[in-house]
Amino acid sequence: MCSGQPVTLKVDAYGGRKFSGKITQIGGATGSMLSLFPPENATGNYVKVVQRVPVRVDFTNLQQEDGDYVLRPGLSVTPEVEIKEACSAPSK
C-alpha cells in the first residue's frame, strides 16, 4: 500500500454501507513501537504479539456520501484498498 491509493470503506453497523477515501499516510513503525512505554515481553514468552502499522485513510466524498451524518468515531469498518500497480520508492 502507498499514499494516494483509493479505499472503499464498508461500515459494519450500517449493513455494509460504503464510503470512499484514499490513503494519506502510512506509519513508520508498529503502534507498540511508537507508544510512550513500549511493551516489554517477559523472558520465555514465545507468543508473538500482533503487530499493526497505522494507516491513515481520509474520506473523499463525505458530504455527498454521509449527508445524513450517520458516521461516528469508533465504528468498525472493513477497508478495501485498490492496488493497481507497485508503489514507487520514496525519493531521498
PDB file of N, CA and C in Angstrom:
ATOM      1  N   MET A   1       0.840  -1.179   0.000  1.00  0.00           N
ATOM      2  CA  MET A   1       0.000   0.000   0.000  1.00  0.00           C
ATOM      3  C   MET A   1       0.882   1.238   0.000  1.00  0.00           C
ATOM      4  N   CYS A   2       0.359   2.307  -0.559  1.00  0.00           N
ATOM      5  CA  CYS A   2       1.081   3.574  -0.549  1.00  0.00           C
ATOM      6  C   CYS A   2       0.089   4.737  -0.595  1.00  0.00           C
ATOM      7  N   SER A   3       0.575   5.908  -0.266  1.00  0.00           N
ATOM      8  CA  SER A   3      -0.270   7.094  -0.219  1.00  0.00           C
ATOM      9  C   SER A   3      -0.903   7.362  -1.579  1.00  0.00           C
ATOM     10  N   GLY A   4      -2.155   7.807  -1.531  1.00  0.00           N
ATOM     11  CA  GLY A   4      -2.877   8.153  -2.742  1.00  0.00           C
ATOM     12  C   GLY A   4      -3.750   7.060  -3.306  1.00  0.00           C
ATOM     13  N   GLN A   5      -3.580   5.814  -2.841  1.00  0.00           N
ATOM     14  CA  GLN A   5      -4.388   4.728  -3.373  1.00  0.00           C
ATOM     15  C   GLN A   5      -5.829   4.845  -2.864  1.00  0.00           C
ATOM     16  N   PRO A   6      -6.826   4.577  -3.741  1.00  0.00           N
ATOM     17  CA  PRO A   6      -8.228   4.674  -3.328  1.00  0.00           C
ATOM     18  C   PRO A   6      -8.633   3.539  -2.396  1.00  0.00           C
ATOM     19  N   VAL A   7      -9.549   3.860  -1.474  1.00  0.00           N
ATOM     20  CA  VAL A   7     -10.025   2.904  -0.481  1.00  0.00           C
ATOM     21  C   VAL A   7     -11.546   2.945  -0.453  1.00  0.00           C
ATOM     22  N   THR A   8     -12.185   1.771  -0.379  1.00  0.00           N
ATOM     23  CA  THR A   8     -13.610   1.676  -0.139  1.00  0.00           C
ATOM     24  C   THR A   8     -13.789   1.195   1.289  1.00  0.00           C
ATOM     25  N   LEU A   9     -14.571   1.935   2.083  1.00  0.00           N
ATOM     26  CA  LEU A   9     -14.799   1.606   3.490  1.00  0.00           C
ATOM     27  C   LEU A   9     -16.231   1.117   3.662  1.00  0.00           C
ATOM     28  N   LYS A  10     -16.399  -0.116   4.148  1.00  0.00           N
ATOM     29  CA  LYS A  10     -17.725  -0.667   4.415  1.00  0.00           C
ATOM     30  C   LYS A  10     -17.962  -0.597   5.912  1.00  0.00           C
ATOM     31  N   VAL A  11     -19.017   0.084   6.322  1.00  0.00           N
ATOM     32  CA  VAL A  11     -19.324   0.258   7.747  1.00  0.00           C
ATOM     33  C   VAL A  11     -20.236  -0.876   8.196  1.00  0.00           C
ATOM     34  N   ASP A  12     -19.753  -1.694   9.146  1.00  0.00           N
ATOM     35  CA  ASP A  12     -20.486  -2.858   9.629  1.00  0.00           C
ATOM     36  C   ASP A  12     -21.837  -2.490  10.239  1.00  0.00           C
ATOM     37  N   ALA A  13     -21.878  -1.406  11.014  1.00  0.00           N
ATOM     38  CA  ALA A  13     -23.096  -1.028  11.743  1.00  0.00           C
ATOM     39  C   ALA A  13     -24.244  -0.642  10.824  1.00  0.00           C
ATOM     40  N   TYR A  14     -23.946  -0.308   9.579  1.00  0.00           N
ATOM     41  CA  TYR A  14     -24.974   0.132   8.647  1.00  0.00           C
ATOM     42  C   TYR A  14     -25.132  -0.824   7.479  1.00  0.00           C
ATOM     43  N   GLY A  15     -24.980  -2.111   7.756  1.00  0.00           N
ATOM     44  CA  GLY A  15     -25.212  -3.136   6.746  1.00  0.00           C
ATOM     45  C   GLY A  15     -24.245  -3.109   5.579  1.00  0.00           C
ATOM     46  N   GLY A  16     -23.025  -2.666   5.818  1.00  0.00           N
ATOM     47  CA  GLY A  16     -22.031  -2.641   4.757  1.00  0.00           C
ATOM     48  C   GLY A  16     -22.114  -1.413   3.876  1.00  0.00           C
ATOM     49  N   ARG A  17     -22.766  -0.363   4.359  1.00  0.00           N
ATOM     50  CA  ARG A  17     -22.850   0.887   3.587  1.00  0.00           C
ATOM     51  C   ARG A  17     -21.431   1.339   3.241  1.00  0.00           C
ATOM     52  N   LYS A  18     -21.231   1.789   2.001  1.00  0.00           N
ATOM     53  CA  LYS A  18     -19.883   2.087   1.519  1.00  0.00           C
ATOM     54  C   LYS A  18     -19.602   3.583   1.485  1.00  0.00           C
ATOM     55  N   PHE A  19     -18.350   3.914   1.807  1.00  0.00           N
ATOM     56  CA  PHE A  19     -17.840   5.277   1.736  1.00  0.00           C
ATOM     57  C   PHE A  19     -16.507   5.219   1.000  1.00  0.00           C
ATOM     58  N   SER A  20     -16.140   6.288   0.329  1.00  0.00           N
ATOM     59  CA  SER A  20     -14.886   6.293  -0.414  1.00  0.00           C
ATOM     60  C   SER A  20     -13.847   7.152   0.290  1.00  0.00           C
ATOM     61  N   GLY A  21     -12.596   6.781   0.106  1.00  0.00           N
ATOM     62  CA  GLY A  21     -11.489   7.518   0.710  1.00  0.00           C
ATOM     63  C   GLY A  21     -10.209   7.235  -0.034  1.00  0.00           C
ATOM     64  N   LYS A  22      -9.109   7.723   0.528  1.00  0.00           N
ATOM     65  CA  LYS A  22      -7.795   7.441  -0.042  1.00  0.00           C
ATOM     66  C   LYS A  22      -6.773   7.399   1.086  1.00  0.00           C
ATOM     67  N   ILE A  23      -5.722   6.628   0.875  1.00  0.00           N
ATOM     68  CA  ILE A  23      -4.646   6.534   1.860  1.00  0.00           C
ATOM     69  C   ILE A  23      -3.861   7.837   1.813  1.00  0.00           C
ATOM     70  N   THR A  24      -3.681   8.457   2.970  1.00  0.00           N
ATOM     71  CA  THR A  24      -2.913   9.702   3.009  1.00  0.00           C
ATOM     72  C   THR A  24      -1.616   9.563   3.788  1.00  0.00           C
ATOM     73  N   GLN A  25      -1.507   8.526   4.626  1.00  0.00           N
ATOM     74  CA  GLN A  25      -0.280   8.382   5.411  1.00  0.00           C
ATOM     75  C   GLN A  25      -0.144   6.949   5.906  1.00  0.00           C
ATOM     76  N   ILE A  26       1.082   6.456   5.917  1.00  0.00           N
ATOM     77  CA  ILE A  26       1.386   5.134   6.468  1.00  0.00           C
ATOM     78  C   ILE A  26       2.437   5.320   7.539  1.00  0.00           C
ATOM     79  N   GLY A  27       2.175   4.770   8.723  1.00  0.00           N
ATOM     80  CA  GLY A  27       3.079   4.934   9.853  1.00  0.00           C
ATOM     81  C   GLY A  27       4.442   4.317   9.605  1.00  0.00           C
ATOM     82  N   GLY A  28       5.444   4.840  10.305  1.00  0.00           N
ATOM     83  CA  GLY A  28       6.811   4.372  10.133  1.00  0.00           C
ATOM     84  C   GLY A  28       7.165   3.163  10.974  1.00  0.00           C
ATOM     85  N   ALA A  29       6.287   2.777  11.900  1.00  0.00           N
ATOM     86  CA  ALA A  29       6.554   1.633  12.772  1.00  0.00           C
ATOM     87  C   ALA A  29       5.232   1.116  13.313  1.00  0.00           C
ATOM     88  N   THR A  30       5.276  -0.047  13.972  1.00  0.00           N
ATOM     89  CA  THR A  30       4.062  -0.581  14.576  1.00  0.00           C
ATOM     90  C   THR A  30       3.621   0.322  15.716  1.00  0.00           C
ATOM     91  N   GLY A  31       2.346   0.267  16.039  1.00  0.00           N
ATOM     92  CA  GLY A  31       1.798   1.110  17.096  1.00  0.00           C
ATOM     93  C   GLY A  31       2.504   0.941  18.426  1.00  0.00           C
ATOM     94  N   SER A  32       2.903  -0.287  18.752  1.00  0.00           N
ATOM     95  CA  SER A  32       3.550  -0.517  20.044  1.00  0.00           C
ATOM     96  C   SER A  32       4.925   0.138  20.117  1.00  0.00           C
ATOM     97  N   MET A  33       5.619   0.264  18.992  1.00  0.00           N
ATOM     98  CA  MET A  33       6.944   0.880  18.998  1.00  0.00           C
ATOM     99  C   MET A  33       6.859   2.395  19.134  1.00  0.00           C
ATOM    100  N   LEU A  34       5.728   2.971  18.756  1.00  0.00           N
ATOM    101  CA  LEU A  34       5.561   4.413  18.831  1.00  0.00           C
ATOM    102  C   LEU A  34       4.958   4.875  20.152  1.00  0.00           C
ATOM    103  N   SER A  35       4.582   3.937  21.017  1.00  0.00           N
ATOM    104  CA  SER A  35       3.955   4.319  22.280  1.00  0.00           C
ATOM    105  C   SER A  35       5.005   4.860  23.256  1.00  0.00           C
ATOM    106  N   LEU A  36       4.526   5.589  24.249  1.00  0.00           N
ATOM    107  CA  LEU A  36       5.416   6.187  25.232  1.00  0.00           C
ATOM    108  C   LEU A  36       6.210   5.126  25.986  1.00  0.00           C
ATOM    109  N   PHE A  37       5.536   4.032  26.351  1.00  0.00           N
ATOM    110  CA  PHE A  37       6.192   2.916  27.028  1.00  0.00           C
ATOM    111  C   PHE A  37       5.932   1.644  26.230  1.00  0.00           C
ATOM    112  N   PRO A  38       6.837   1.283  25.302  1.00  0.00           N
ATOM    113  CA  PRO A  38       6.627   0.067  24.510  1.00  0.00           C
ATOM    114  C   PRO A  38       6.565  -1.159  25.417  1.00  0.00           C
ATOM    115  N   PRO A  39       5.724  -2.131  25.093  1.00  0.00           N
ATOM    116  CA  PRO A  39       5.616  -3.327  25.932  1.00  0.00           C
ATOM    117  C   PRO A  39       6.900  -4.145  25.902  1.00  0.00           C
ATOM    118  N   GLU A  40       7.298  -4.619  27.046  1.00  0.00           N
ATOM    119  CA  GLU A  40       8.471  -5.488  27.163  1.00  0.00           C
ATOM    120  C   GLU A  40       7.978  -6.897  27.471  1.00  0.00           C
ATOM    121  N   ASN A  41       8.230  -7.812  26.567  1.00  0.00           N
ATOM    122  CA  ASN A  41       7.803  -9.185  26.799  1.00  0.00           C
ATOM    123  C   ASN A  41       8.722  -9.851  27.809  1.00  0.00           C
ATOM    124  N   ALA A  42       8.129 -10.640  28.691  1.00  0.00           N
ATOM    125  CA  ALA A  42       8.895 -11.355  29.701  1.00  0.00           C
ATOM    126  C   ALA A  42       9.737 -12.446  29.038  1.00  0.00           C
ATOM    127  N   THR A  43      10.828 -12.800  29.683  1.00  0.00           N
ATOM    128  CA  THR A  43      11.674 -13.870  29.172  1.00  0.00           C
ATOM    129  C   THR A  43      10.890 -15.173  29.144  1.00  0.00           C
ATOM    130  N   GLY A  44      10.999 -15.890  28.059  1.00  0.00           N
ATOM    131  CA  GLY A  44      10.282 -17.154  27.936  1.00  0.00           C
ATOM    132  C   GLY A  44       8.905 -16.998  27.323  1.00  0.00           C
ATOM    133  N   ASN A  45       8.510 -15.775  26.982  1.00  0.00           N
ATOM    134  CA  ASN A  45       7.212 -15.558  26.359  1.00  0.00           C
ATOM    135  C   ASN A  45       7.374 -15.736  24.856  1.00  0.00           C
ATOM    136  N   TYR A  46       6.892 -16.847  24.321  1.00  0.00           N
ATOM    137  CA  TYR A  46       7.080 -17.155  22.913  1.00  0.00           C
ATOM    138  C   TYR A  46       5.850 -16.855  22.069  1.00  0.00           C
ATOM    139  N   VAL A  47       4.834 -16.217  22.654  1.00  0.00           N
ATOM    140  CA  VAL A  47       3.632 -15.867  21.911  1.00  0.00           C
ATOM    141  C   VAL A  47       3.900 -14.580  21.147  1.00  0.00           C
ATOM    142  N   LYS A  48       3.748 -14.641  19.840  1.00  0.00           N
ATOM    143  CA  LYS A  48       4.009 -13.460  19.011  1.00  0.00           C
ATOM    144  C   LYS A  48       2.841 -12.477  19.136  1.00  0.00           C
ATOM    145  N   VAL A  49       3.170 -11.254  19.448  1.00  0.00           N
ATOM    146  CA  VAL A  49       2.168 -10.214  19.571  1.00  0.00           C
ATOM    147  C   VAL A  49       1.846  -9.692  18.177  1.00  0.00           C
ATOM    148  N   VAL A  50       0.576  -9.505  17.895  1.00  0.00           N
ATOM    149  CA  VAL A  50       0.170  -8.980  16.599  1.00  0.00           C
ATOM    150  C   VAL A  50       0.722  -7.573  16.436  1.00  0.00           C
ATOM    151  N   GLN A  51       1.327  -7.322  15.309  1.00  0.00           N
ATOM    152  CA  GLN A  51       1.905  -6.006  15.050  1.00  0.00           C
ATOM    153  C   GLN A  51       1.101  -5.331  13.950  1.00  0.00           C
ATOM    154  N   ARG A  52       0.674  -4.118  14.226  1.00  0.00           N
ATOM    155  CA  ARG A  52      -0.124  -3.370  13.268  1.00  0.00           C
ATOM    156  C   ARG A  52       0.566  -2.059  12.951  1.00  0.00           C
ATOM    157  N   VAL A  53       0.647  -1.741  11.673  1.00  0.00           N
ATOM    158  CA  VAL A  53       1.203  -0.473  11.234  1.00  0.00           C
ATOM    159  C   VAL A  53       0.017   0.464  10.977  1.00  0.00           C
ATOM    160  N   PRO A  54       0.004   1.627  11.629  1.00  0.00           N
ATOM    161  CA  PRO A  54      -1.132   2.533  11.430  1.00  0.00           C
ATOM    162  C   PRO A  54      -1.164   3.108  10.025  1.00  0.00           C
ATOM    163  N   VAL A  55      -2.365   3.132   9.426  1.00  0.00           N
ATOM    164  CA  VAL A  55      -2.582   3.682   8.093  1.00  0.00           C
ATOM    165  C   VAL A  55      -3.700   4.709   8.198  1.00  0.00           C
ATOM    166  N   ARG A  56      -3.454   5.923   7.724  1.00  0.00           N
ATOM    167  CA  ARG A  56      -4.480   6.967   7.760  1.00  0.00           C
ATOM    168  C   ARG A  56      -5.231   6.974   6.434  1.00  0.00           C
ATOM    169  N   VAL A  57      -6.556   6.919   6.532  1.00  0.00           N
ATOM    170  CA  VAL A  57      -7.425   6.986   5.365  1.00  0.00           C
ATOM    171  C   VAL A  57      -8.333   8.192   5.544  1.00  0.00           C
ATOM    172  N   ASP A  58      -8.328   9.091   4.573  1.00  0.00           N
ATOM    173  CA  ASP A  58      -9.207  10.257   4.604  1.00  0.00           C
ATOM    174  C   ASP A  58     -10.379  10.026   3.662  1.00  0.00           C
ATOM    175  N   PHE A  59     -11.564  10.444   4.083  1.00  0.00           N
ATOM    176  CA  PHE A  59     -12.746  10.360   3.236  1.00  0.00           C
ATOM    177  C   PHE A  59     -12.607  11.355   2.086  1.00  0.00           C
ATOM    178  N   THR A  60     -13.113  10.983   0.904  1.00  0.00           N
ATOM    179  CA  THR A  60     -13.001  11.871  -0.244  1.00  0.00           C
ATOM    180  C   THR A  60     -14.327  12.532  -0.625  1.00  0.00           C
ATOM    181  N   ASN A  61     -15.450  11.858  -0.431  1.00  0.00           N
ATOM    182  CA  ASN A  61     -16.759  12.405  -0.791  1.00  0.00           C
ATOM    183  C   ASN A  61     -17.716  12.361   0.392  1.00  0.00           C
ATOM    184  N   LEU A  62     -17.252  12.763   1.554  1.00  0.00           N
ATOM    185  CA  LEU A  62     -18.034  12.579   2.775  1.00  0.00           C
ATOM    186  C   LEU A  62     -19.335  13.366   2.762  1.00  0.00           C
ATOM    187  N   GLN A  63     -19.340  14.584   2.285  1.00  0.00           N
ATOM    188  CA  GLN A  63     -20.574  15.375   2.299  1.00  0.00           C
ATOM    189  C   GLN A  63     -21.647  14.749   1.419  1.00  0.00           C
ATOM    190  N   GLN A  64     -21.258  14.145   0.308  1.00  0.00           N
ATOM    191  CA  GLN A  64     -22.218  13.503  -0.579  1.00  0.00           C
ATOM    192  C   GLN A  64     -22.641  12.135  -0.048  1.00  0.00           C
ATOM    193  N   GLU A  65     -21.701  11.370   0.505  1.00  0.00           N
ATOM    194  CA  GLU A  65     -21.987  10.005   0.925  1.00  0.00           C
ATOM    195  C   GLU A  65     -22.576   9.924   2.330  1.00  0.00           C
ATOM    196  N   ASP A  66     -22.333  10.926   3.168  1.00  0.00           N
ATOM    197  CA  ASP A  66     -22.836  10.915   4.549  1.00  0.00           C
ATOM    198  C   ASP A  66     -23.680  12.160   4.809  1.00  0.00           C
ATOM    199  N   GLY A  67     -24.603  12.436   3.903  1.00  0.00           N
ATOM    200  CA  GLY A  67     -25.475  13.592   4.056  1.00  0.00           C
ATOM    201  C   GLY A  67     -26.387  13.491   5.260  1.00  0.00           C
ATOM    202  N   ASP A  68     -26.641  12.268   5.737  1.00  0.00           N
ATOM    203  CA  ASP A  68     -27.486  12.079   6.917  1.00  0.00           C
ATOM    204  C   ASP A  68     -26.675  11.989   8.218  1.00  0.00           C
ATOM    205  N   TYR A  69     -25.367  12.184   8.149  1.00  0.00           N
ATOM    206  CA  TYR A  69     -24.472  12.271   9.311  1.00  0.00           C
ATOM    207  C   TYR A  69     -24.568  11.056  10.237  1.00  0.00           C
ATOM    208  N   VAL A  70     -24.432   9.867   9.673  1.00  0.00           N
ATOM    209  CA  VAL A  70     -24.513   8.650  10.478  1.00  0.00           C
ATOM    210  C   VAL A  70     -23.163   8.183  11.012  1.00  0.00           C
ATOM    211  N   LEU A  71     -22.070   8.615  10.409  1.00  0.00           N
ATOM    212  CA  LEU A  71     -20.744   8.147  10.856  1.00  0.00           C
ATOM    213  C   LEU A  71     -20.408   8.683  12.240  1.00  0.00           C
ATOM    214  N   ARG A  72     -19.832   7.796  13.059  1.00  0.00           N
ATOM    215  CA  ARG A  72     -19.421   8.142  14.416  1.00  0.00           C
ATOM    216  C   ARG A  72     -18.038   7.558  14.681  1.00  0.00           C
ATOM    217  N   PRO A  73     -17.247   8.205  15.538  1.00  0.00           N
ATOM    218  CA  PRO A  73     -15.928   7.642  15.883  1.00  0.00           C
ATOM    219  C   PRO A  73     -16.077   6.274  16.545  1.00  0.00           C
ATOM    220  N   GLY A  74     -15.187   5.352  16.195  1.00  0.00           N
ATOM    221  CA  GLY A  74     -15.154   4.039  16.823  1.00  0.00           C
ATOM    222  C   GLY A  74     -15.947   2.966  16.107  1.00  0.00           C
ATOM    223  N   LEU A  75     -16.637   3.295  15.013  1.00  0.00           N
ATOM    224  CA  LEU A  75     -17.386   2.276  14.276  1.00  0.00           C
ATOM    225  C   LEU A  75     -16.410   1.331  13.579  1.00  0.00           C
ATOM    226  N   SER A  76     -16.784   0.058  13.506  1.00  0.00           N
ATOM    227  CA  SER A  76     -15.952  -0.924  12.807  1.00  0.00           C
ATOM    228  C   SER A  76     -16.201  -0.828  11.312  1.00  0.00           C
ATOM    229  N   VAL A  77     -15.115  -0.804  10.556  1.00  0.00           N
ATOM    230  CA  VAL A  77     -15.213  -0.754   9.102  1.00  0.00           C
ATOM    231  C   VAL A  77     -14.316  -1.824   8.498  1.00  0.00           C
ATOM    232  N   THR A  78     -14.635  -2.194   7.269  1.00  0.00           N
ATOM    233  CA  THR A  78     -13.792  -3.098   6.505  1.00  0.00           C
ATOM    234  C   THR A  78     -13.244  -2.311   5.325  1.00  0.00           C
ATOM    235  N   PRO A  79     -11.935  -2.015   5.345  1.00  0.00           N
ATOM    236  CA  PRO A  79     -11.363  -1.252   4.235  1.00  0.00           C
ATOM    237  C   PRO A  79     -10.918  -2.175   3.107  1.00  0.00           C
ATOM    238  N   GLU A  80     -11.124  -1.729   1.881  1.00  0.00           N
ATOM    239  CA  GLU A  80     -10.613  -2.428   0.705  1.00  0.00           C
ATOM    240  C   GLU A  80      -9.775  -1.437  -0.089  1.00  0.00           C
ATOM    241  N   VAL A  81      -8.476  -1.716  -0.201  1.00  0.00           N
ATOM    242  CA  VAL A  81      -7.557  -0.818  -0.896  1.00  0.00           C
ATOM    243  C   VAL A  81      -7.387  -1.299  -2.327  1.00  0.00           C
ATOM    244  N   GLU A  82      -7.544  -0.388  -3.269  1.00  0.00           N
ATOM    245  CA  GLU A  82      -7.372  -0.719  -4.683  1.00  0.00           C
ATOM    246  C   GLU A  82      -5.902  -0.567  -5.051  1.00  0.00           C
ATOM    247  N   ILE A  83      -5.253  -1.700  -5.292  1.00  0.00           N
ATOM    248  CA  ILE A  83      -3.833  -1.707  -5.614  1.00  0.00           C
ATOM    249  C   ILE A  83      -3.692  -2.092  -7.079  1.00  0.00           C
ATOM    250  N   LYS A  84      -3.399  -1.106  -7.926  1.00  0.00           N
ATOM    251  CA  LYS A  84      -3.281  -1.355  -9.363  1.00  0.00           C
ATOM    252  C   LYS A  84      -1.843  -1.612  -9.783  1.00  0.00           C
ATOM    253  N   GLU A  85      -0.920  -0.923  -9.166  1.00  0.00           N
ATOM    254  CA  GLU A  85       0.483  -1.060  -9.543  1.00  0.00           C
ATOM    255  C   GLU A  85       1.364  -0.912  -8.313  1.00  0.00           C
ATOM    256  N   ALA A  86       2.619  -1.269  -8.462  1.00  0.00           N
ATOM    257  CA  ALA A  86       3.562  -1.167  -7.342  1.00  0.00           C
ATOM    258  C   ALA A  86       3.802   0.281  -6.967  1.00  0.00           C
ATOM    259  N   CYS A  87       4.036   0.503  -5.693  1.00  0.00           N
ATOM    260  CA  CYS A  87       4.332   1.846  -5.203  1.00  0.00           C
ATOM    261  C   CYS A  87       5.761   2.216  -5.573  1.00  0.00           C
ATOM    262  N   SER A  88       5.964   3.476  -5.849  1.00  0.00           N
ATOM    263  CA  SER A  88       7.313   3.921  -6.140  1.00  0.00           C
ATOM    264  C   SER A  88       8.052   4.174  -4.828  1.00  0.00           C
ATOM    265  N   ALA A  89       9.344   3.951  -4.820  1.00  0.00           N
ATOM    266  CA  ALA A  89      10.152   4.153  -3.625  1.00  0.00           C
ATOM    267  C   ALA A  89      10.239   5.648  -3.332  1.00  0.00           C
ATOM    268  N   PRO A  90      10.184   6.019  -2.037  1.00  0.00           N
ATOM    269  CA  PRO A  90      10.292   7.442  -1.708  1.00  0.00           C
ATOM    270  C   PRO A  90      11.658   7.994  -2.091  1.00  0.00           C
ATOM    271  N   SER A  91      11.669   9.198  -2.617  1.00  0.00           N
ATOM    272  CA  SER A  91      12.934   9.798  -3.017  1.00  0.00           C
ATOM    273  C   SER A  91      13.637  10.405  -1.813  1.00  0.00           C
ATOM    274  N   LYS A  92      14.973  10.399  -1.838  1.00  0.00           N
ATOM    275  CA  LYS A  92      15.743  10.929  -0.718  1.00  0.00           C
ATOM    276  C   LYS A  92      16.337  12.249  -1.076  1.00  0.00           C
TER     277      LYS A  92
END
